[in-house]
Amino acid sequence: MEKTRNILLIVTDQHYAEAMSCLAGSRFLQTPSLDRLAQQSMRFSRAYTASPVCIPARNAMFTGLYPHQTGILCNRSHPRNPSPVNTEDGSLLPPAIKGMGCYFADAGYETAYFGKWHLNFDEQNKQHHGFAVTGVLKNTGHDPEIADATANYLRSEHDRPFLAVASFCDPHDICQWADKRPLPGGALSVPPEENQLPPAPANAGSTRNGGDILALLRDGYGHHVHVPYDVDTPDAVRKCRELAWAYYRLIERVDAHIGTILDALEESGHADDTLIVYTSDHGELLGAHGLVQKSFFYEEAVHVPLLVSSPGSNRKSCDRLVNASVDLLPTLLESVGIIIPDHLSGRSLCPLVNGGEISDWRDAVIGEVHFCQPRLPEGTPRAYGRMVRTPRYSYWLFDHGQQRELLFDTEDDPGETCNLASSGEHGEILHRHRELLTQHAEQTDDAQATQMLRAIGFNI
C-alpha cells in the first residue's frame, strides 16, 4: 500500500456488517454510496468490535486500547465507569492515554472531527483530544449537518495533510423506532405491505442450551421486549420484518450523507491521495435471538463493516480476523508513516490492505462487555463478559451464572442457535479458547478475564 497524504475516517453507529446492498442484495436495501466505496476498497469480511457497546468501542477505536485498558467499560454511570458527560468526576481519559487526534497533530497534520462524540476526551480541550477543528459535536438527529460540515472542510484549502473524521448517528435511530419513540433524525414512512418487507431472521428464536446467564441478561436488560420469542405467530413475524425494514431505511439515510462526503472529496482534488476508512462501533441484533440493539456477543452485534480504500492498493476481500476497534489506529498511523507506539494493543492492517499474506497473523479476536445500566430490576447481574472469536468458533465467558460459558460452531450453526459448551463433546475446543483468552489477558493485563477464567477452574 502506497503511503497516503490524507485520511478520511467515516464512522456510523450500530451498523451490522452485512447490511449493505453489495452484500445483501438490492431488493430490500440500497446503499449506492457504500457500494461505491466497497468497489474501490479492501473489505475485511471478518472485522469485529472490541465491545458491542457504543462508548467503550469508540474509545477503543480512538486510543488503540481495549476497554479494560482505557477503563471505559460501559455507557452508563457506574462505580467502575463514571458518566462520560460529567467532566468533574474523573471519567475523562487521563493524559497518559493519547488519542488519534493528538498522534496526527503531533506529526504536523491538520486534524478535524465532525459529529457524534461519545469519547472520553474533553471535547472543550483541544490539547486533550488533538482535533484542531471540531463541528456539530451533537448526538442523534444531526446527520445532515455533520455531512455538510465535513464536505465543506474537505473542499477547503489545506496547506498540510489532513485527518478528517465524520461520525454519524444513524442507523442508531432504530433504538427509538423499536421503542415507538420519535426518531431524532426525522420520522420514517409507514411500513409497506407484508410482501414488500424483508424476511424475519432465521435465528429469531432463543438460543438452545443457553444456560442461566443468557436468561438473566436478556430478561434484566430488556433487549427482548420489542420482539416476542414466539416468532411462529404472524404478529411476531411481522414485527421482526418491520424492524428490519426500518433499519434498512435508516442505513439508506446515512448512506446518502456518506455520498455527500465522498462527492466532496472528489471535488476537492484529494481523492487520489486520501486513505478512506469506513466502519461502525458495533452492529444491531435486529430480532435475532428475539433481541434488539446490542451488548450481546452474537454475530449481528459484534460483526462490523470495515472498508479501507487506499490509492494504489488491491481491491478485494480479506477474510483474516481483525479487530476493527483496536486495529484502526495502528493502521492509520502506518498508512502515513507515523511510528506505531509499542503499547497499542492492535495491529496495523496495512500489509493486508495491500493484499499481502502474514504468516503470524492472530488466531482470534477478543471482545469485551460490561452490563451495567442503571435502574435495573433487582437481581439483574452487572456482568462482565469476554468473547474469543476464532475462524470457526465463538466462545463467551461471563462472571455470573451457573453456566458461564457458551460455545457456538459458526460453520455448522451460523445463526448461533445452539450452545455447545455443556455438551461434553467439545472439551478440547473449549480448552483451546480458554488458552487464547489467557494469552490475551497476559498480553493486555486483563485482570478481569484472568479472574473469570480462574472462577471456572481453568489453571493459569
Protein backbone atom coordinates (compact mmCIF):
# COMPACT_ATOMS: atom_id res chain seq x y z
CA MET A 1 0.00 0.00 0.00
CA GLU A 2 1.40 3.36 -1.01
CA LYS A 3 1.93 5.97 1.68
CA THR A 4 -1.01 8.36 1.60
CA ARG A 5 -1.12 12.04 2.34
CA ASN A 6 -4.58 12.46 3.88
CA ILE A 7 -7.06 10.35 5.83
CA LEU A 8 -10.87 10.42 5.80
CA LEU A 9 -12.42 8.27 8.54
CA ILE A 10 -16.19 7.70 8.39
CA VAL A 11 -17.88 6.09 11.39
CA THR A 12 -21.55 5.20 11.83
CA ASP A 13 -23.43 3.92 14.87
CA GLN A 14 -24.95 0.45 15.06
CA HIS A 15 -24.31 -0.82 11.52
CA TYR A 16 -24.19 -4.61 11.14
CA ALA A 17 -21.53 -5.69 8.65
CA GLU A 18 -23.78 -7.49 6.18
CA ALA A 19 -26.31 -4.67 5.88
CA MET A 20 -25.09 -3.22 2.57
CA SER A 21 -26.71 -3.86 -0.77
CA CYS A 22 -23.43 -5.03 -2.31
CA LEU A 23 -23.61 -7.94 0.16
CA ALA A 24 -27.30 -8.36 0.97
CA GLY A 25 -28.70 -7.56 -2.48
CA SER A 26 -30.75 -4.55 -3.51
CA ARG A 27 -34.29 -5.89 -3.21
CA PHE A 28 -34.83 -4.55 0.32
CA LEU A 29 -31.79 -2.30 0.83
CA GLN A 30 -29.95 0.08 -1.46
CA THR A 31 -26.66 1.65 -0.37
CA PRO A 32 -25.09 3.13 -3.52
CA SER A 33 -22.52 5.21 -1.62
CA LEU A 34 -21.21 2.33 0.47
CA ASP A 35 -21.32 0.04 -2.57
CA ARG A 36 -19.26 2.60 -4.47
CA LEU A 37 -16.74 2.75 -1.66
CA ALA A 38 -16.62 -1.05 -1.36
CA GLN A 39 -15.80 -1.36 -5.05
CA GLN A 40 -12.58 0.58 -4.51
CA SER A 41 -11.71 -0.87 -1.10
CA MET A 42 -10.25 -3.82 0.67
CA ARG A 43 -13.26 -5.19 2.55
CA PHE A 44 -12.45 -7.01 5.75
CA SER A 45 -15.16 -9.67 5.90
CA ARG A 46 -14.28 -10.77 9.44
CA ALA A 47 -14.00 -7.48 11.28
CA TYR A 48 -15.19 -7.38 14.88
CA THR A 49 -15.68 -4.72 17.51
CA ALA A 50 -13.78 -4.63 20.79
CA SER A 51 -17.13 -4.11 22.54
CA PRO A 52 -20.75 -4.28 21.33
CA VAL A 53 -21.46 -1.05 23.23
CA CYS A 54 -21.02 2.49 21.84
CA ILE A 55 -18.72 4.34 24.23
CA PRO A 56 -16.28 1.50 25.07
CA ALA A 57 -15.98 0.68 21.37
CA ARG A 58 -15.40 4.29 20.28
CA ASN A 59 -12.76 4.90 22.92
CA ALA A 60 -11.02 1.73 21.77
CA MET A 61 -11.08 2.98 18.18
CA PHE A 62 -9.52 6.34 19.03
CA THR A 63 -6.91 5.06 21.53
CA GLY A 64 -5.93 1.67 20.10
CA LEU A 65 -6.59 0.13 23.53
CA TYR A 66 -9.18 -2.34 24.82
CA PRO A 67 -11.94 -1.12 27.16
CA HIS A 68 -10.29 -2.71 30.19
CA GLN A 69 -7.15 -0.70 29.35
CA THR A 70 -8.94 2.63 28.97
CA GLY A 71 -11.22 1.96 31.95
CA ILE A 72 -14.26 2.87 29.82
CA LEU A 73 -16.35 -0.26 30.19
CA CYS A 74 -19.96 0.76 29.54
CA ASN A 75 -22.20 3.64 28.51
CA ARG A 76 -23.82 4.46 31.82
CA SER A 77 -22.84 5.76 35.23
CA HIS A 78 -21.31 3.03 37.38
CA PRO A 79 -18.62 2.91 40.07
CA ARG A 80 -16.25 1.33 37.54
CA ASN A 81 -17.17 3.74 34.77
CA PRO A 82 -18.41 7.21 35.79
CA SER A 83 -20.68 9.05 33.40
CA PRO A 84 -18.69 10.42 30.44
CA VAL A 85 -20.84 13.56 30.29
CA ASN A 86 -19.60 14.76 33.68
CA THR A 87 -16.08 16.11 33.33
CA GLU A 88 -15.73 16.65 37.09
CA ASP A 89 -15.94 13.05 38.25
CA GLY A 90 -12.74 11.59 36.86
CA SER A 91 -14.44 10.00 33.88
CA LEU A 92 -12.16 11.61 31.30
CA LEU A 93 -9.29 9.60 29.91
CA PRO A 94 -6.05 10.51 31.67
CA PRO A 95 -3.38 12.47 29.77
CA ALA A 96 -1.24 9.33 29.65
CA ILE A 97 -3.73 7.80 27.21
CA LYS A 98 -3.11 9.52 23.91
CA GLY A 99 -5.80 9.67 21.27
CA MET A 100 -5.90 9.63 17.50
CA GLY A 101 -6.15 13.40 17.14
CA CYS A 102 -3.01 14.00 19.19
CA TYR A 103 -0.93 11.46 17.27
CA PHE A 104 -1.71 13.17 13.97
CA ALA A 105 -1.48 16.72 15.32
CA ASP A 106 1.97 15.95 16.74
CA ALA A 107 3.00 14.70 13.29
CA GLY A 108 2.04 18.03 11.72
CA TYR A 109 -1.39 17.10 10.41
CA GLU A 110 -4.47 19.25 10.19
CA THR A 111 -7.00 17.42 12.36
CA ALA A 112 -10.78 17.76 12.15
CA TYR A 113 -13.69 15.95 13.79
CA PHE A 114 -17.36 16.36 12.91
CA GLY A 115 -20.33 14.67 14.54
CA LYS A 116 -21.20 12.29 17.34
CA TRP A 117 -18.57 12.37 20.08
CA HIS A 118 -19.17 9.59 22.63
CA LEU A 119 -15.48 9.75 23.53
CA ASN A 120 -13.99 10.26 26.96
CA PHE A 121 -11.78 13.08 25.80
CA ASP A 122 -12.79 16.56 26.94
CA GLU A 123 -14.45 17.95 23.83
CA GLN A 124 -13.70 21.51 25.01
CA ASN A 125 -9.97 20.82 25.38
CA LYS A 126 -8.24 20.56 22.00
CA GLN A 127 -4.96 19.63 23.67
CA HIS A 128 -6.68 16.64 25.25
CA HIS A 129 -8.29 15.23 22.10
CA GLY A 130 -5.97 16.71 19.45
CA PHE A 131 -8.58 17.87 16.90
CA ALA A 132 -7.90 21.47 15.93
CA VAL A 133 -11.22 21.77 14.06
CA THR A 134 -14.44 20.39 15.51
CA GLY A 135 -18.03 20.83 14.48
CA VAL A 136 -21.55 19.51 15.09
CA LEU A 137 -20.45 17.63 18.21
CA LYS A 138 -24.02 16.53 18.78
CA ASN A 139 -25.89 13.31 19.24
CA THR A 140 -28.75 11.84 17.23
CA GLY A 141 -30.70 13.95 14.77
CA HIS A 142 -27.88 15.98 13.24
CA ASP A 143 -26.50 13.75 10.48
CA PRO A 144 -27.29 16.22 7.62
CA GLU A 145 -25.32 18.93 9.43
CA ILE A 146 -22.44 16.51 10.01
CA ALA A 147 -22.29 15.66 6.31
CA ASP A 148 -22.36 19.30 5.24
CA ALA A 149 -19.69 20.37 7.74
CA THR A 150 -17.38 17.54 6.68
CA ALA A 151 -17.95 18.23 3.00
CA ASN A 152 -17.19 21.93 3.45
CA TYR A 153 -13.99 21.08 5.29
CA LEU A 154 -12.85 18.70 2.55
CA ARG A 155 -13.47 21.33 -0.14
CA SER A 156 -11.50 23.99 1.72
CA GLU A 157 -7.82 24.76 1.11
CA HIS A 158 -5.28 22.65 3.01
CA ASP A 159 -1.63 23.57 3.24
CA ARG A 160 -0.84 20.44 5.24
CA PRO A 161 -2.07 16.83 5.07
CA PHE A 162 -5.29 16.27 6.99
CA LEU A 163 -7.07 13.74 9.15
CA ALA A 164 -10.83 14.29 8.89
CA VAL A 165 -13.36 12.28 10.92
CA ALA A 166 -17.07 12.17 10.11
CA SER A 167 -19.00 10.45 12.91
CA PHE A 168 -22.65 9.79 12.07
CA CYS A 169 -25.51 8.73 14.37
CA ASP A 170 -27.69 6.61 12.12
CA PRO A 171 -28.71 3.86 11.92
CA HIS A 172 -28.85 4.24 15.73
CA ASP A 173 -32.38 5.68 15.45
CA ILE A 174 -33.54 2.06 15.22
CA CYS A 175 -33.48 2.12 19.05
CA GLN A 176 -36.14 4.83 19.13
CA TRP A 177 -38.11 3.18 16.33
CA ALA A 178 -38.25 -0.13 18.23
CA ASP A 179 -39.38 1.73 21.36
CA LYS A 180 -42.05 3.61 19.37
CA ARG A 181 -40.42 6.91 20.32
CA PRO A 182 -39.99 9.87 17.94
CA LEU A 183 -36.92 9.49 15.75
CA PRO A 184 -34.36 12.27 16.35
CA GLY A 185 -33.36 12.17 12.69
CA GLY A 186 -36.91 12.52 11.43
CA ALA A 187 -39.84 10.15 11.03
CA LEU A 188 -39.90 7.28 8.55
CA SER A 189 -42.85 6.47 6.35
CA VAL A 190 -45.36 3.79 7.31
CA PRO A 191 -44.08 0.22 6.72
CA PRO A 192 -45.36 -1.22 3.44
CA GLU A 193 -47.46 -4.32 2.78
CA GLU A 194 -46.07 -7.58 4.10
CA ASN A 195 -44.91 -8.83 0.70
CA GLN A 196 -42.58 -5.82 0.49
CA LEU A 197 -40.97 -6.33 3.90
CA PRO A 198 -37.58 -8.05 4.38
CA PRO A 199 -37.77 -11.58 5.78
CA ALA A 200 -37.58 -12.25 9.51
CA PRO A 201 -34.19 -13.54 10.69
CA ALA A 202 -33.83 -17.31 10.50
CA ASN A 203 -32.37 -17.30 14.02
CA ALA A 204 -35.14 -15.30 15.66
CA GLY A 205 -35.76 -17.95 18.33
CA SER A 206 -33.91 -18.02 21.63
CA THR A 207 -30.63 -19.95 21.95
CA ARG A 208 -30.88 -23.65 22.78
CA ASN A 209 -28.93 -24.69 25.88
CA GLY A 210 -28.18 -21.03 26.53
CA GLY A 211 -27.99 -21.53 30.25
CA ASP A 212 -28.97 -19.23 33.06
CA ILE A 213 -26.62 -16.34 32.28
CA LEU A 214 -28.28 -15.57 28.94
CA ALA A 215 -31.72 -15.65 30.55
CA LEU A 216 -30.57 -13.37 33.37
CA LEU A 217 -29.09 -10.82 30.99
CA ARG A 218 -31.89 -10.98 28.44
CA ASP A 219 -34.65 -10.54 30.99
CA GLY A 220 -32.84 -7.98 33.15
CA TYR A 221 -31.69 -5.67 30.36
CA GLY A 222 -34.91 -5.77 28.37
CA HIS A 223 -33.43 -6.12 24.89
CA HIS A 224 -36.12 -8.65 24.06
CA VAL A 225 -39.24 -6.66 24.88
CA HIS A 226 -39.92 -5.42 21.35
CA VAL A 227 -39.72 -8.75 19.53
CA PRO A 228 -41.58 -11.73 21.04
CA TYR A 229 -39.69 -15.01 21.28
CA ASP A 230 -42.57 -16.94 19.80
CA VAL A 231 -41.74 -15.97 16.26
CA ASP A 232 -44.15 -18.53 14.84
CA THR A 233 -47.05 -16.15 15.39
CA PRO A 234 -47.94 -13.87 12.47
CA ASP A 235 -47.74 -10.78 14.69
CA ALA A 236 -44.23 -11.60 15.88
CA VAL A 237 -43.01 -12.33 12.38
CA ARG A 238 -44.38 -9.04 11.09
CA LYS A 239 -42.73 -7.13 13.97
CA CYS A 240 -39.37 -8.63 13.07
CA ARG A 241 -39.86 -7.80 9.41
CA GLU A 242 -40.95 -4.23 10.09
CA LEU A 243 -37.93 -3.77 12.35
CA ALA A 244 -35.63 -4.82 9.50
CA TRP A 245 -37.48 -2.54 7.07
CA ALA A 246 -37.00 0.47 9.37
CA TYR A 247 -33.33 -0.38 9.97
CA TYR A 248 -32.67 -0.52 6.24
CA ARG A 249 -34.32 2.87 5.73
CA LEU A 250 -32.02 4.37 8.38
CA ILE A 251 -28.97 2.83 6.72
CA GLU A 252 -30.09 4.30 3.40
CA ARG A 253 -30.46 7.68 5.08
CA VAL A 254 -26.90 7.72 6.36
CA ASP A 255 -25.65 6.23 3.08
CA ALA A 256 -26.87 9.39 1.33
CA HIS A 257 -24.85 11.52 3.75
CA ILE A 258 -21.78 9.39 3.13
CA GLY A 259 -22.31 10.05 -0.57
CA THR A 260 -22.24 13.79 0.12
CA ILE A 261 -18.82 13.42 1.73
CA LEU A 262 -17.39 11.16 -0.97
CA ASP A 263 -18.55 13.63 -3.64
CA ALA A 264 -16.90 16.49 -1.77
CA LEU A 265 -13.62 14.57 -1.60
CA GLU A 266 -13.74 14.04 -5.35
CA GLU A 267 -14.46 17.73 -5.92
CA SER A 268 -11.58 18.73 -3.65
CA GLY A 269 -8.98 17.07 -5.87
CA HIS A 270 -7.70 14.95 -2.97
CA ALA A 271 -9.37 11.65 -3.82
CA ASP A 272 -6.13 10.26 -5.28
CA ASP A 273 -4.04 10.97 -2.19
CA THR A 274 -6.51 10.16 0.58
CA LEU A 275 -6.98 6.95 2.52
CA ILE A 276 -10.70 6.38 3.21
CA VAL A 277 -11.83 4.11 6.02
CA TYR A 278 -15.43 3.22 6.80
CA THR A 279 -16.50 1.31 9.90
CA SER A 280 -19.03 1.27 12.75
CA ASP A 281 -18.79 0.97 16.52
CA HIS A 282 -20.94 -2.19 16.69
CA GLY A 283 -23.84 -3.91 14.98
CA GLU A 284 -27.56 -4.42 15.63
CA LEU A 285 -29.30 -7.65 16.70
CA LEU A 286 -32.43 -6.74 14.74
CA GLY A 287 -34.63 -9.52 16.11
CA ALA A 288 -32.00 -12.28 16.00
CA HIS A 289 -32.45 -14.49 19.08
CA GLY A 290 -35.51 -12.43 19.92
CA LEU A 291 -33.29 -9.47 20.77
CA VAL A 292 -32.74 -5.92 19.59
CA GLN A 293 -29.93 -3.38 19.94
CA LYS A 294 -26.50 -4.63 21.06
CA SER A 295 -24.46 -5.69 24.16
CA PHE A 296 -24.52 -9.43 23.43
CA PHE A 297 -21.71 -11.22 21.58
CA TYR A 298 -23.95 -12.59 18.85
CA GLU A 299 -22.61 -12.08 15.34
CA GLU A 300 -25.20 -9.45 14.46
CA ALA A 301 -23.95 -7.22 17.31
CA VAL A 302 -20.18 -7.72 17.07
CA HIS A 303 -19.56 -8.12 13.32
CA VAL A 304 -18.94 -4.67 11.85
CA PRO A 305 -18.19 -3.29 8.38
CA LEU A 306 -14.61 -2.31 7.62
CA LEU A 307 -13.72 -0.84 4.23
CA VAL A 308 -10.25 0.54 3.54
CA SER A 309 -9.75 2.41 0.28
CA SER A 310 -6.17 3.38 -0.41
CA PRO A 311 -4.62 4.77 -3.59
CA GLY A 312 -2.57 2.04 -5.20
CA SER A 313 -3.90 -0.85 -3.12
CA ASN A 314 -5.60 -4.01 -4.31
CA ARG A 315 -9.38 -4.02 -4.21
CA LYS A 316 -10.81 -7.27 -2.93
CA SER A 317 -11.93 -9.03 0.24
CA CYS A 318 -9.79 -10.22 3.14
CA ASP A 319 -11.09 -12.93 5.48
CA ARG A 320 -8.45 -12.56 8.20
CA LEU A 321 -9.77 -11.91 11.70
CA VAL A 322 -9.37 -8.24 12.53
CA ASN A 323 -10.45 -6.09 15.43
CA ALA A 324 -11.93 -3.02 13.75
CA SER A 325 -11.66 -1.11 17.03
CA VAL A 326 -8.08 -1.55 18.26
CA ASP A 327 -6.56 -2.22 14.82
CA LEU A 328 -7.86 1.07 13.42
CA LEU A 329 -5.36 3.48 14.96
CA PRO A 330 -2.22 1.43 14.14
CA THR A 331 -3.48 1.11 10.56
CA LEU A 332 -4.00 4.85 10.15
CA LEU A 333 -0.63 5.65 11.69
CA GLU A 334 1.33 3.26 9.48
CA SER A 335 -0.57 4.34 6.36
CA VAL A 336 1.05 7.79 6.57
CA GLY A 337 4.40 6.72 8.00
CA ILE A 338 3.88 7.61 11.69
CA ILE A 339 5.65 5.18 14.02
CA ILE A 340 3.22 2.91 15.88
CA PRO A 341 3.78 3.05 19.66
CA ASP A 342 4.61 -0.31 21.22
CA HIS A 343 1.89 -0.05 23.86
CA LEU A 344 -1.02 -0.09 21.40
CA SER A 345 -2.97 -3.34 21.54
CA GLY A 346 -3.96 -3.60 17.88
CA ARG A 347 -2.05 -4.40 14.72
CA SER A 348 -1.75 -2.44 11.50
CA LEU A 349 -3.81 -3.80 8.65
CA CYS A 350 -1.68 -2.08 6.01
CA PRO A 351 0.04 -5.29 4.82
CA LEU A 352 -3.37 -6.94 4.43
CA VAL A 353 -4.78 -3.90 2.62
CA ASN A 354 -2.01 -4.37 0.10
CA GLY A 355 -3.02 -8.00 -0.40
CA GLY A 356 -0.02 -9.46 1.41
CA GLU A 357 -0.01 -12.65 3.46
CA ILE A 358 1.21 -12.53 7.06
CA SER A 359 2.26 -15.88 8.47
CA ASP A 360 2.00 -14.83 12.12
CA TRP A 361 -1.41 -13.17 11.96
CA ARG A 362 -3.60 -13.61 15.02
CA ASP A 363 -5.67 -16.75 15.68
CA ALA A 364 -8.52 -14.91 17.38
CA VAL A 365 -10.10 -11.55 18.13
CA ILE A 366 -11.31 -10.62 21.59
CA GLY A 367 -14.44 -8.75 22.60
CA GLU A 368 -15.44 -7.31 25.96
CA VAL A 369 -18.70 -6.25 27.53
CA HIS A 370 -19.90 -4.95 30.88
CA PHE A 371 -23.64 -4.99 31.52
CA CYS A 372 -24.05 -2.07 33.91
CA GLN A 373 -27.10 0.00 33.03
CA PRO A 374 -28.72 1.86 35.96
CA ARG A 375 -32.23 1.34 37.35
CA LEU A 376 -32.32 -2.37 36.64
CA PRO A 377 -34.71 -4.92 38.17
CA GLU A 378 -33.49 -6.32 41.46
CA GLY A 379 -31.24 -9.31 40.98
CA THR A 380 -30.05 -8.32 37.49
CA PRO A 381 -26.33 -9.10 37.29
CA ARG A 382 -23.92 -6.32 36.38
CA ALA A 383 -21.99 -8.90 34.48
CA TYR A 384 -18.61 -8.85 32.79
CA GLY A 385 -18.11 -10.87 29.63
CA ARG A 386 -15.39 -11.82 27.19
CA MET A 387 -15.64 -13.22 23.67
CA VAL A 388 -12.96 -15.20 21.82
CA ARG A 389 -13.79 -15.32 18.11
CA THR A 390 -11.75 -17.77 16.04
CA PRO A 391 -12.34 -18.61 12.37
CA ARG A 392 -14.87 -21.31 13.22
CA TYR A 393 -15.99 -20.79 16.81
CA SER A 394 -17.32 -18.09 19.06
CA TYR A 395 -16.58 -18.62 22.76
CA TRP A 396 -18.15 -16.49 25.51
CA LEU A 397 -17.29 -16.32 29.20
CA PHE A 398 -19.18 -14.41 31.92
CA ASP A 399 -18.55 -13.78 35.59
CA HIS A 400 -22.16 -14.64 36.60
CA GLY A 401 -24.38 -17.68 36.34
CA GLN A 402 -24.22 -21.39 36.97
CA GLN A 403 -23.32 -21.97 33.31
CA ARG A 404 -20.90 -19.18 32.47
CA GLU A 405 -19.50 -20.45 29.17
CA LEU A 406 -21.05 -20.55 25.71
CA LEU A 407 -19.59 -22.02 22.55
CA PHE A 408 -21.01 -21.75 19.04
CA ASP A 409 -19.83 -23.55 15.92
CA THR A 410 -20.36 -20.75 13.40
CA GLU A 411 -19.60 -23.04 10.47
CA ASP A 412 -22.27 -25.66 11.18
CA ASP A 413 -24.51 -23.22 13.09
CA PRO A 414 -24.01 -19.75 11.56
CA GLY A 415 -27.06 -18.42 13.39
CA GLU A 416 -25.50 -19.31 16.76
CA THR A 417 -28.65 -21.09 17.86
CA CYS A 418 -27.17 -23.95 19.91
CA ASN A 419 -24.70 -23.56 22.79
CA LEU A 420 -22.19 -26.44 22.74
CA ALA A 421 -20.28 -25.56 25.89
CA SER A 422 -22.11 -28.09 28.08
CA SER A 423 -22.40 -30.89 25.54
CA GLY A 424 -19.38 -32.77 26.88
CA GLU A 425 -18.10 -33.31 23.34
CA HIS A 426 -16.08 -30.13 22.85
CA GLY A 427 -13.58 -30.23 25.69
CA GLU A 428 -10.51 -29.68 23.52
CA ILE A 429 -12.12 -26.77 21.69
CA LEU A 430 -13.16 -25.14 24.95
CA HIS A 431 -9.66 -25.63 26.34
CA ARG A 432 -8.10 -24.00 23.27
CA HIS A 433 -10.34 -20.94 23.53
CA ARG A 434 -9.64 -20.61 27.24
CA GLU A 435 -5.95 -20.69 26.38
CA LEU A 436 -6.40 -17.95 23.80
CA LEU A 437 -8.21 -15.78 26.35
CA THR A 438 -5.44 -16.49 28.88
CA GLN A 439 -2.81 -15.34 26.40
CA HIS A 440 -4.78 -12.19 25.69
CA ALA A 441 -5.19 -11.48 29.40
CA GLU A 442 -1.46 -11.80 29.94
CA GLN A 443 -0.56 -9.62 26.96
CA THR A 444 -3.01 -6.84 27.80
CA ASP A 445 -3.06 -7.10 31.61
CA ASP A 446 -6.73 -8.06 31.66
CA ALA A 447 -7.22 -8.87 35.33
CA GLN A 448 -10.98 -9.31 34.89
CA ALA A 449 -10.53 -12.04 32.28
CA THR A 450 -7.97 -13.76 34.48
CA GLN A 451 -10.37 -13.73 37.41
CA MET A 452 -13.18 -15.13 35.27
CA LEU A 453 -11.02 -17.97 33.99
CA ARG A 454 -9.93 -18.89 37.50
CA ALA A 455 -13.56 -18.87 38.64
CA ILE A 456 -14.37 -21.72 36.23
CA GLY A 457 -11.33 -23.66 37.42
CA PHE A 458 -9.06 -23.01 34.45
CA ASN A 459 -5.43 -23.13 35.59
CA ILE A 460 -3.49 -20.06 34.54
